[in-house]
Amino acid sequence: MSTLIAVAYDDVDTTRDVLLTLNELSLEHAVTVDDAVVAEYNSDGEIKLHQTAKAGAGGALSGGLIGLLFLAPFLGMAAGAAAGGTAGAMTDGAVDDAFIKHLGEDLQPGSAAVIVLIRESTPDKVLPRISPYGGRVIHSSLSAEAEVRLREALRALAA
C-alpha cells in the first residue's frame, strides 16, 4: 500500500532540493518513491505540473492529477499511464477533489508543492533529512500519528 503526501513550499527551487534529497534517500534504501510530481503555482495563476524522473514508472499518478485539474480524470490517467509506460490504472478515488482544493488554497503565485507516492520508508532516516526544508503538509494519506510527526518535523525549521 502506497502513501500519498503533498507538501507545499514557498518556491519551486526548494521542491527541487527536496526531490534531490528524496532521490539520495532512495539510493540509500531509506525510502521507496513510486512517483513524484511538482505542482507549481505560476505567476499566471495556473498550477503547472512538472514530471520527475519517476515518470517512466508511474505516469498514472501525474496523469491522474493533470486529469483532475482539468476535470477529465479518466482521460488524464489514461494519457499518464500510456506516457509513463505503465499498464496500472488509478481510480478516481485515489486523488480526491479535496486534495485539488487544498492545492489551490495553500499555494500562492511563485510557490510549489511536492506530491509523492511513497511505497515504504524509514521515517527515522527520512525526517531529519527533509525537515531542514520546512514546508507545510497540505494532504496525506498517513495515519493521524504519522502525519503529526511529519508536521512537527517540518515545523522544526520554522522554530
Protein backbone atom coordinates (compact mmCIF):
# COMPACT_ATOMS: atom_id res chain seq x y z
CA MET A 1 0.00 0.00 0.00
CA SER A 2 1.40 3.37 -1.02
CA THR A 3 1.05 6.66 0.82
CA LEU A 4 0.27 9.94 -0.92
CA ILE A 5 1.87 13.04 0.61
CA ALA A 6 1.79 16.63 -0.65
CA VAL A 7 3.98 19.28 0.97
CA ALA A 8 3.85 22.97 -0.03
CA TYR A 9 6.96 25.16 -0.20
CA ASP A 10 7.47 28.87 -0.80
CA ASP A 11 9.32 28.36 -4.09
CA VAL A 12 9.93 25.78 -6.79
CA ASP A 13 13.70 25.67 -6.09
CA THR A 14 13.03 24.20 -2.66
CA THR A 15 10.89 21.47 -4.22
CA ARG A 16 13.81 20.52 -6.47
CA ASP A 17 16.10 20.30 -3.42
CA VAL A 18 13.56 18.11 -1.62
CA LEU A 19 13.31 15.79 -4.62
CA LEU A 20 17.11 15.53 -4.80
CA THR A 21 17.17 14.60 -1.12
CA LEU A 22 14.43 12.01 -1.64
CA ASN A 23 16.43 10.58 -4.53
CA GLU A 24 19.51 10.30 -2.29
CA LEU A 25 17.40 8.62 0.38
CA SER A 26 16.06 6.24 -2.25
CA LEU A 27 19.60 5.27 -3.24
CA GLU A 28 20.28 4.62 0.45
CA HIS A 29 17.13 2.44 0.60
CA ALA A 30 15.56 4.67 3.24
CA VAL A 31 12.51 5.42 1.06
CA THR A 32 10.85 3.91 -2.00
CA VAL A 33 9.11 6.53 -4.13
CA ASP A 34 6.70 5.16 -6.72
CA ASP A 35 6.07 8.56 -8.33
CA ALA A 36 6.66 12.23 -7.69
CA VAL A 37 5.25 15.40 -9.22
CA VAL A 38 5.96 19.06 -8.55
CA ALA A 39 2.92 21.33 -8.73
CA GLU A 40 4.00 24.93 -9.33
CA TYR A 41 1.60 27.83 -8.95
CA ASN A 42 2.96 30.12 -11.63
CA SER A 43 2.62 33.91 -11.90
CA ASP A 44 -0.30 33.48 -14.34
CA GLY A 45 -2.36 31.91 -11.56
CA GLU A 46 -2.19 28.42 -13.05
CA ILE A 47 -0.93 25.22 -11.48
CA LYS A 48 1.73 23.65 -13.68
CA LEU A 49 2.81 20.07 -13.05
CA HIS A 50 6.44 19.03 -13.56
CA GLN A 51 7.07 15.33 -14.11
CA THR A 52 10.04 13.83 -12.31
CA ALA A 53 12.44 11.05 -13.23
CA LYS A 54 9.90 8.55 -11.89
CA ALA A 55 7.65 9.39 -14.86
CA GLY A 56 8.50 6.20 -16.69
CA ALA A 57 7.43 4.05 -13.79
CA GLY A 58 4.40 5.91 -12.55
CA GLY A 59 2.86 8.20 -15.11
CA ALA A 60 -0.65 7.32 -13.96
CA LEU A 61 -0.29 9.45 -10.81
CA SER A 62 0.70 12.60 -12.63
CA GLY A 63 -1.78 11.84 -15.41
CA GLY A 64 -4.49 11.46 -12.80
CA LEU A 65 -3.51 14.76 -11.18
CA ILE A 66 -3.50 16.53 -14.53
CA GLY A 67 -6.85 14.96 -15.33
CA LEU A 68 -8.34 16.07 -12.04
CA LEU A 69 -7.01 19.60 -12.51
CA PHE A 70 -8.63 19.81 -15.91
CA LEU A 71 -11.80 17.91 -14.93
CA ALA A 72 -11.05 14.90 -17.14
CA PRO A 73 -9.61 12.39 -14.66
CA PHE A 74 -10.04 9.26 -16.74
CA LEU A 75 -8.53 10.80 -19.87
CA GLY A 76 -5.65 12.21 -17.83
CA MET A 77 -4.99 8.89 -16.14
CA ALA A 78 -5.06 7.04 -19.45
CA ALA A 79 -2.62 9.52 -21.02
CA GLY A 80 -0.38 9.41 -17.95
CA ALA A 81 -0.34 5.63 -17.85
CA ALA A 82 0.46 5.45 -21.56
CA ALA A 83 3.14 8.13 -21.37
CA GLY A 84 4.62 6.58 -18.28
CA GLY A 85 4.66 3.16 -19.82
CA THR A 86 2.58 1.57 -17.08
CA ALA A 87 -0.43 -0.63 -17.51
CA GLY A 88 -1.69 0.01 -13.97
CA ALA A 89 -4.57 2.41 -13.61
CA MET A 90 -5.51 4.69 -10.78
CA THR A 91 -9.11 5.07 -9.72
CA ASP A 92 -10.73 8.49 -9.39
CA GLY A 93 -10.87 8.00 -5.61
CA ALA A 94 -7.09 7.78 -5.26
CA VAL A 95 -6.67 11.55 -5.51
CA ASP A 96 -9.85 13.22 -4.40
CA ASP A 97 -11.31 16.66 -5.04
CA ALA A 98 -10.37 17.84 -1.53
CA PHE A 99 -6.72 17.36 -2.46
CA ILE A 100 -7.05 19.61 -5.51
CA LYS A 101 -8.94 22.17 -3.40
CA HIS A 102 -6.13 22.15 -0.82
CA LEU A 103 -3.61 22.73 -3.58
CA GLY A 104 -5.47 25.80 -4.75
CA GLU A 105 -5.92 27.16 -1.22
CA ASP A 106 -2.40 26.50 0.03
CA LEU A 107 -0.32 27.62 -2.93
CA GLN A 108 0.39 31.24 -3.76
CA PRO A 109 1.90 32.54 -7.00
CA GLY A 110 5.56 31.51 -7.07
CA SER A 111 5.09 28.66 -4.60
CA ALA A 112 5.09 24.94 -5.31
CA ALA A 113 4.31 21.56 -3.79
CA VAL A 114 5.99 18.18 -3.90
CA ILE A 115 3.47 15.38 -4.36
CA VAL A 116 4.92 11.94 -3.75
CA LEU A 117 3.55 8.43 -3.76
CA ILE A 118 5.68 6.51 -1.28
CA ARG A 119 5.61 2.73 -1.09
CA GLU A 120 7.76 2.40 2.03
CA SER A 121 10.08 4.50 4.15
CA THR A 122 12.16 4.62 7.27
CA PRO A 123 10.90 7.81 8.97
CA ASP A 124 13.84 7.96 11.40
CA LYS A 125 16.16 8.38 8.43
CA VAL A 126 13.91 10.43 6.17
CA LEU A 127 12.52 13.09 8.52
CA PRO A 128 15.88 14.52 9.66
CA ARG A 129 16.96 14.90 6.03
CA ILE A 130 13.82 16.66 4.76
CA SER A 131 12.98 18.77 7.82
CA PRO A 132 15.58 21.48 7.04
CA TYR A 133 13.47 22.45 4.01
CA GLY A 134 10.43 23.24 6.14
CA GLY A 135 7.17 23.13 4.24
CA ARG A 136 3.51 22.61 5.05
CA VAL A 137 1.68 19.31 4.70
CA ILE A 138 -1.35 20.05 2.55
CA HIS A 139 -2.52 16.48 2.06
CA SER A 140 -1.57 13.00 3.13
CA SER A 141 -2.93 9.52 3.48
CA LEU A 142 -0.69 8.92 6.50
CA SER A 143 -2.11 7.78 9.81
CA ALA A 144 -3.00 10.66 12.12
CA GLU A 145 0.03 9.91 14.31
CA ALA A 146 2.44 9.75 11.37
CA GLU A 147 1.07 12.98 9.89
CA VAL A 148 1.53 14.81 13.20
CA ARG A 149 5.12 13.55 13.34
CA LEU A 150 5.75 14.80 9.79
CA ARG A 151 4.17 18.20 10.50
CA GLU A 152 6.28 18.60 13.64
CA ALA A 153 9.48 17.69 11.78
CA LEU A 154 8.75 20.24 9.05
CA ARG A 155 7.87 22.94 11.61
CA ALA A 156 11.17 22.42 13.42
CA LEU A 157 12.89 24.63 10.84
CA ALA A 158 10.43 27.49 11.34
CA ALA A 159 11.02 27.41 15.11
